[in-house]
Amino acid sequence: MYDIIIIGSGPAGLSAAIYAQRACLDTIVIEKNGISGGQVLNTWEVDNYPGFPGVTGFELSRSMQTSSEQELYRMRSCRSSFQEM
């Protein structure tokens, strides 16, 4: 059983997953495609995303997924310490 189920792993879904984990919620992200990114995957060039000037949608989605996986990995112990309280 999960505290929160996030449908879609685009920018909003990945951000929601990070914040849910920071709140020590048991979280799952469900993605129908085999790759995270959402609509940004269909974008050839993203000019207006802060910190990523002139990046392709694919590159941006890979970077976001890697970042969120690293963040979630660092927070895995959060749930077990929360249950001990």
N, C-alpha and C. Protein backbone atom coordinates (compact mmCIF):
# COMPACT_ATOMS: atom_id res chain seq x y z
N MET A 1 0.85 -1.16 0.00
CA MET A 1 0.00 0.00 0.00
C MET A 1 0.90 1.23 0.00
N TYR A 2 0.51 2.23 -0.77
CA TYR A 2 1.27 3.48 -0.89
C TYR A 2 0.48 4.64 -0.32
N ASP A 3 1.20 5.64 0.17
CA ASP A 3 0.56 6.86 0.63
C ASP A 3 0.12 7.73 -0.55
N ILE A 4 0.92 7.70 -1.62
CA ILE A 4 0.61 8.52 -2.79
C ILE A 4 1.01 7.77 -4.06
N ILE A 5 0.14 7.84 -5.05
CA ILE A 5 0.40 7.24 -6.36
C ILE A 5 0.42 8.39 -7.36
N ILE A 6 1.52 8.52 -8.09
CA ILE A 6 1.67 9.58 -9.07
C ILE A 6 1.58 8.97 -10.46
N ILE A 7 0.66 9.47 -11.26
CA ILE A 7 0.46 8.97 -12.61
C ILE A 7 1.22 9.89 -13.56
N GLY A 8 2.23 9.34 -14.23
CA GLY A 8 3.01 10.10 -15.20
C GLY A 8 4.34 10.56 -14.62
N SER A 9 5.38 10.44 -15.43
CA SER A 9 6.71 10.82 -14.95
C SER A 9 7.32 11.93 -15.80
N GLY A 10 6.47 12.90 -16.13
CA GLY A 10 6.96 14.11 -16.78
C GLY A 10 7.53 15.03 -15.71
N PRO A 11 7.83 16.27 -16.05
CA PRO A 11 8.40 17.20 -15.08
C PRO A 11 7.56 17.34 -13.80
N ALA A 12 6.25 17.43 -13.94
CA ALA A 12 5.39 17.58 -12.75
C ALA A 12 5.38 16.31 -11.91
N GLY A 13 5.30 15.16 -12.54
CA GLY A 13 5.27 13.89 -11.81
C GLY A 13 6.56 13.63 -11.06
N LEU A 14 7.70 13.90 -11.71
CA LEU A 14 8.98 13.69 -11.05
C LEU A 14 9.16 14.66 -9.88
N SER A 15 8.73 15.90 -10.07
CA SER A 15 8.80 16.89 -8.98
C SER A 15 7.91 16.46 -7.82
N ALA A 16 6.70 16.00 -8.12
CA ALA A 16 5.78 15.55 -7.08
C ALA A 16 6.37 14.37 -6.31
N ALA A 17 7.04 13.47 -7.00
CA ALA A 17 7.64 12.32 -6.35
C ALA A 17 8.73 12.74 -5.37
N ILE A 18 9.55 13.70 -5.78
CA ILE A 18 10.61 14.18 -4.90
C ILE A 18 10.02 14.81 -3.64
N TYR A 19 9.02 15.67 -3.80
CA TYR A 19 8.42 16.32 -2.63
C TYR A 19 7.67 15.33 -1.75
N ALA A 20 7.05 14.32 -2.34
CA ALA A 20 6.35 13.31 -1.54
C ALA A 20 7.36 12.51 -0.71
N GLN A 21 8.49 12.16 -1.31
CA GLN A 21 9.52 11.43 -0.58
C GLN A 21 10.11 12.29 0.54
N ARG A 22 10.29 13.57 0.27
CA ARG A 22 10.81 14.47 1.32
C ARG A 22 9.85 14.55 2.50
N ALA A 23 8.56 14.35 2.24
CA ALA A 23 7.55 14.36 3.30
C ALA A 23 7.38 12.98 3.93
N CYS A 24 8.29 12.05 3.59
CA CYS A 24 8.30 10.68 4.12
C CYS A 24 7.03 9.91 3.76
N LEU A 25 6.49 10.18 2.59
CA LEU A 25 5.34 9.42 2.10
C LEU A 25 5.84 8.27 1.23
N ASP A 26 5.24 7.10 1.41
CA ASP A 26 5.58 5.95 0.58
C ASP A 26 4.98 6.20 -0.80
N THR A 27 5.82 6.32 -1.82
CA THR A 27 5.42 6.86 -3.11
C THR A 27 5.73 5.89 -4.24
N ILE A 28 4.84 5.85 -5.23
CA ILE A 28 5.10 5.13 -6.47
C ILE A 28 4.73 6.04 -7.63
N VAL A 29 5.54 5.97 -8.69
CA VAL A 29 5.28 6.73 -9.92
C VAL A 29 4.97 5.72 -11.01
N ILE A 30 3.83 5.90 -11.67
CA ILE A 30 3.42 5.00 -12.74
C ILE A 30 3.53 5.75 -14.06
N GLU A 31 4.24 5.14 -15.02
CA GLU A 31 4.44 5.73 -16.34
C GLU A 31 4.03 4.71 -17.39
N LYS A 32 3.17 5.11 -18.32
CA LYS A 32 2.71 4.15 -19.34
C LYS A 32 3.76 3.89 -20.41
N ASN A 33 4.62 4.87 -20.66
CA ASN A 33 5.70 4.68 -21.62
C ASN A 33 6.91 4.09 -20.92
N GLY A 34 7.83 3.58 -21.65
CA GLY A 34 9.03 3.00 -21.05
C GLY A 34 10.06 4.04 -20.65
N ILE A 35 9.73 5.31 -20.82
CA ILE A 35 10.71 6.37 -20.58
C ILE A 35 10.02 7.56 -19.92
N SER A 36 10.70 8.19 -18.98
CA SER A 36 10.16 9.37 -18.32
C SER A 36 10.36 10.60 -19.20
N GLY A 37 9.51 11.60 -18.99
CA GLY A 37 9.70 12.85 -19.70
C GLY A 37 8.41 13.53 -20.11
N GLY A 38 7.37 12.76 -20.35
CA GLY A 38 6.11 13.36 -20.76
C GLY A 38 6.20 14.03 -22.12
N GLN A 39 5.48 15.11 -22.29
CA GLN A 39 5.41 15.82 -23.58
C GLN A 39 6.74 16.43 -24.00
N VAL A 40 7.60 16.71 -23.03
CA VAL A 40 8.88 17.34 -23.39
C VAL A 40 9.71 16.43 -24.29
N LEU A 41 9.46 15.13 -24.25
CA LEU A 41 10.18 14.21 -25.13
C LEU A 41 9.93 14.52 -26.60
N ASN A 42 8.78 15.10 -26.92
CA ASN A 42 8.41 15.42 -28.30
C ASN A 42 8.95 16.76 -28.76
N THR A 43 9.70 17.44 -27.90
CA THR A 43 10.19 18.78 -28.21
C THR A 43 11.63 18.71 -28.67
N TRP A 44 11.90 19.29 -29.85
CA TRP A 44 13.25 19.25 -30.38
C TRP A 44 14.21 20.10 -29.57
N GLU A 45 13.82 21.34 -29.26
CA GLU A 45 14.69 22.22 -28.49
C GLU A 45 13.90 22.96 -27.43
N VAL A 46 14.42 22.94 -26.22
CA VAL A 46 13.80 23.64 -25.10
C VAL A 46 14.69 24.84 -24.78
N ASP A 47 14.18 26.04 -25.00
CA ASP A 47 14.98 27.25 -24.78
C ASP A 47 14.73 27.91 -23.45
N ASN A 48 13.60 27.62 -22.83
CA ASN A 48 13.19 28.42 -21.68
C ASN A 48 13.10 27.65 -20.36
N TYR A 49 13.83 26.55 -20.24
CA TYR A 49 13.83 25.83 -18.97
C TYR A 49 15.07 26.27 -18.19
N PRO A 50 14.89 26.81 -16.98
CA PRO A 50 16.02 27.37 -16.23
C PRO A 50 17.16 26.36 -16.02
N GLY A 51 18.35 26.79 -16.34
CA GLY A 51 19.53 25.97 -16.15
C GLY A 51 19.86 25.05 -17.30
N PHE A 52 18.99 24.98 -18.30
CA PHE A 52 19.21 24.09 -19.44
C PHE A 52 18.95 24.82 -20.75
N PRO A 53 19.76 25.82 -21.10
CA PRO A 53 19.50 26.56 -22.34
C PRO A 53 19.80 25.72 -23.59
N GLY A 54 18.90 25.73 -24.54
CA GLY A 54 19.12 25.08 -25.83
C GLY A 54 19.28 23.57 -25.78
N VAL A 55 18.64 22.92 -24.84
CA VAL A 55 18.74 21.47 -24.70
C VAL A 55 17.58 20.81 -25.46
N THR A 56 17.78 19.58 -25.92
CA THR A 56 16.68 18.86 -26.57
C THR A 56 15.74 18.33 -25.48
N GLY A 57 14.53 18.03 -25.87
CA GLY A 57 13.56 17.48 -24.92
C GLY A 57 14.04 16.16 -24.33
N PHE A 58 14.66 15.34 -25.16
CA PHE A 58 15.17 14.06 -24.69
C PHE A 58 16.27 14.26 -23.65
N GLU A 59 17.20 15.16 -23.93
CA GLU A 59 18.30 15.42 -22.99
C GLU A 59 17.76 15.97 -21.66
N LEU A 60 16.80 16.87 -21.75
CA LEU A 60 16.20 17.44 -20.55
C LEU A 60 15.50 16.36 -19.73
N SER A 61 14.75 15.50 -20.38
CA SER A 61 14.04 14.45 -19.65
C SER A 61 15.01 13.47 -19.00
N ARG A 62 16.11 13.12 -19.68
CA ARG A 62 17.13 12.23 -19.10
C ARG A 62 17.75 12.87 -17.86
N SER A 63 18.07 14.14 -17.98
CA SER A 63 18.68 14.86 -16.86
C SER A 63 17.73 14.92 -15.67
N MET A 64 16.47 15.19 -15.93
CA MET A 64 15.47 15.26 -14.86
C MET A 64 15.28 13.90 -14.20
N GLN A 65 15.25 12.85 -15.01
CA GLN A 65 15.06 11.52 -14.44
C GLN A 65 16.27 11.13 -13.59
N THR A 66 17.46 11.38 -14.08
CA THR A 66 18.67 11.07 -13.32
C THR A 66 18.69 11.82 -12.01
N SER A 67 18.36 13.10 -12.06
CA SER A 67 18.34 13.93 -10.86
C SER A 67 17.33 13.41 -9.85
N SER A 68 16.13 13.09 -10.31
CA SER A 68 15.10 12.62 -9.37
C SER A 68 15.44 11.25 -8.82
N GLU A 69 16.06 10.37 -9.62
CA GLU A 69 16.46 9.06 -9.11
C GLU A 69 17.52 9.21 -8.02
N GLN A 70 18.48 10.12 -8.21
CA GLN A 70 19.51 10.36 -7.20
C GLN A 70 18.88 10.91 -5.93
N GLU A 71 17.96 11.82 -6.08
CA GLU A 71 17.28 12.42 -4.92
C GLU A 71 16.47 11.36 -4.17
N LEU A 72 15.74 10.53 -4.89
CA LEU A 72 14.93 9.49 -4.26
C LEU A 72 15.82 8.45 -3.58
N TYR A 73 16.97 8.15 -4.17
CA TYR A 73 17.88 7.18 -3.57
C TYR A 73 18.39 7.70 -2.23
N ARG A 74 18.69 8.99 -2.15
CA ARG A 74 19.18 9.58 -0.91
C ARG A 74 18.11 9.56 0.18
N MET A 75 16.84 9.52 -0.19
CA MET A 75 15.76 9.61 0.79
C MET A 75 15.12 8.27 1.13
N ARG A 76 15.64 7.17 0.64
CA ARG A 76 15.00 5.87 0.87
C ARG A 76 14.86 5.52 2.34
N SER A 77 15.78 5.93 3.18
CA SER A 77 15.71 5.59 4.60
C SER A 77 14.67 6.40 5.35
N CYS A 78 14.13 7.40 4.75
CA CYS A 78 13.16 8.29 5.39
C CYS A 78 11.97 7.51 5.93
N ARG A 79 11.43 6.60 5.15
CA ARG A 79 10.22 5.87 5.54
C ARG A 79 10.45 5.01 6.77
N SER A 80 11.57 4.29 6.80
CA SER A 80 11.80 3.40 7.94
C SER A 80 12.01 4.19 9.22
N SER A 81 12.70 5.32 9.14
CA SER A 81 12.90 6.11 10.36
C SER A 81 11.59 6.77 10.79
N PHE A 82 10.73 7.09 9.86
CA PHE A 82 9.43 7.67 10.19
C PHE A 82 8.58 6.65 10.96
N GLN A 83 8.58 5.40 10.54
CA GLN A 83 7.79 4.36 11.19
C GLN A 83 8.27 4.08 12.60
N GLU A 84 9.53 4.31 12.91
CA GLU A 84 10.07 4.04 14.22
C GLU A 84 9.63 5.05 15.26
N MET A 85 9.18 6.20 14.85
CA MET A 85 8.79 7.26 15.80
C MET A 85 7.56 6.89 16.58
